[in-house]
Protein backbone atom coordinates (compact mmCIF):
# COMPACT_ATOMS: atom_id res chain seq x y z
CA MET A 1 112.16 93.46 88.80
CA THR A 2 109.17 93.52 86.49
CA ALA A 3 106.32 91.11 85.73
CA GLU A 4 108.27 89.83 82.73
CA VAL A 5 111.16 88.77 84.98
CA PHE A 6 108.82 87.24 87.54
CA ARG A 7 107.00 85.19 84.86
CA ARG A 8 110.22 83.28 84.24
CA MET A 9 111.35 82.94 87.86
CA PRO A 10 111.58 79.33 89.06
CA TYR A 11 110.07 78.47 92.42
CA ALA A 12 113.47 77.75 94.00
CA GLU A 13 114.65 81.28 93.15
CA ALA A 14 111.43 83.03 94.21
CA LEU A 15 110.93 81.33 97.58
CA PRO A 16 113.90 82.93 99.40
CA GLN A 17 112.80 86.38 98.15
CA ALA A 18 109.16 86.01 99.27
CA GLN A 19 107.94 88.65 101.69
CA ARG A 20 104.65 86.84 102.17
CA ILE A 21 103.64 83.24 101.43
CA LEU A 22 100.04 82.15 100.81
CA VAL A 23 99.59 78.38 101.04
CA ASP A 24 96.66 76.00 100.64
CA GLY A 25 95.92 72.70 98.88
CA TYR A 26 95.90 74.35 95.46
CA GLY A 27 99.44 75.69 95.63
CA GLU A 28 101.47 78.62 96.86
CA GLY A 29 101.32 82.32 96.23
CA LEU A 30 104.64 84.06 96.82
CA VAL A 31 104.54 87.83 97.21
CA LEU A 32 107.75 89.56 96.12
CA GLN A 33 108.69 93.20 95.89
CA GLY A 34 109.54 94.52 92.45
CA THR A 35 109.33 97.55 90.18
CA GLY A 36 106.28 99.60 91.12
CA GLY A 37 105.17 97.53 94.12
CA TYR A 38 104.44 93.94 95.03
CA TYR A 39 103.88 90.98 92.70
CA GLY A 40 102.09 87.71 93.42
CA LEU A 41 103.67 84.64 91.86
CA TYR A 42 101.27 81.70 91.92
CA TYR A 43 102.63 78.17 91.72
CA LEU A 44 99.44 76.07 91.39
CA PHE A 45 100.97 72.61 91.70
CA GLY A 46 97.94 71.19 93.57
CA VAL A 47 95.75 71.75 90.49
CA LEU A 48 98.11 69.43 88.61
CA GLY A 49 97.81 66.74 91.28
CA LEU A 50 101.24 67.41 92.80
CA ARG A 51 101.88 67.64 96.55
CA GLU A 52 104.72 70.13 96.35
CA PRO A 53 106.09 72.65 93.87
CA VAL A 54 108.71 71.66 91.34
CA PRO A 55 111.76 73.85 92.16
CA SER A 56 112.60 74.50 88.49
CA HIS A 57 109.06 75.46 87.37
CA PRO A 58 108.08 79.07 86.68
CA PRO A 59 104.83 80.42 88.18
CA ASP A 60 101.50 79.49 86.64
CA TRP A 61 100.22 83.05 87.10
CA VAL A 62 101.71 86.44 88.00
CA GLU A 63 99.74 89.41 89.35
CA GLY A 64 100.92 92.91 90.03
CA PRO A 65 102.21 95.38 90.72
CA ARG A 66 100.09 96.25 93.74
CA GLN A 67 100.85 98.73 96.49
CA ASN A 68 99.94 96.46 99.41
CA GLN A 69 101.16 92.91 99.87
CA GLU A 70 97.89 92.06 101.65
CA ASP A 71 95.93 92.58 98.40
CA PHE A 72 96.77 89.18 96.90
CA LYS A 73 94.30 86.29 96.83
CA GLU A 74 94.87 82.89 98.41
CA PRO A 75 95.76 80.21 95.80
CA TYR A 76 92.24 78.68 95.99
CA GLN A 77 90.69 82.10 95.31
CA MET A 78 93.09 82.67 92.41
CA VAL A 79 92.20 79.29 90.86
CA HIS A 80 88.51 80.19 91.13
CA TRP A 81 89.14 83.63 89.59
CA LEU A 82 91.07 82.06 86.70
CA GLU A 83 88.27 79.55 86.04
CA VAL A 84 85.59 82.26 86.10
CA ASN A 85 87.64 84.29 83.63
CA GLY A 86 88.10 81.46 81.14
CA TYR A 87 91.48 80.01 82.10
CA ASN A 88 91.10 76.24 82.24
CA LEU A 89 94.72 75.07 82.06
CA PHE A 90 97.30 76.31 84.52
CA VAL A 91 100.45 75.87 82.49
CA ASN A 92 102.07 79.26 82.94
CA GLU A 93 99.32 81.04 81.00
CA SER A 94 100.46 84.46 82.26
CA LYS A 95 103.36 84.40 79.81
């Protein structure tokens, strides 16, 4: 799978495929294997004031491919990176 496929993948479909899960109060980062390496799918539901992800929602941000699944940031670090780089709304801006 490619980044384009992952950008549309709902949380409920991505979760069972996750090879690594990064969780904190800002959301969840699911690391999946795809074309060319690993991809991080970030579901930042905590930023929106939610306590859990909405199963039908696509990720708010997708990173990858990367060669190592350990190279992905925790959700809090990703939120900070997005803010520093000018992303103020987390409504699937990676599309």
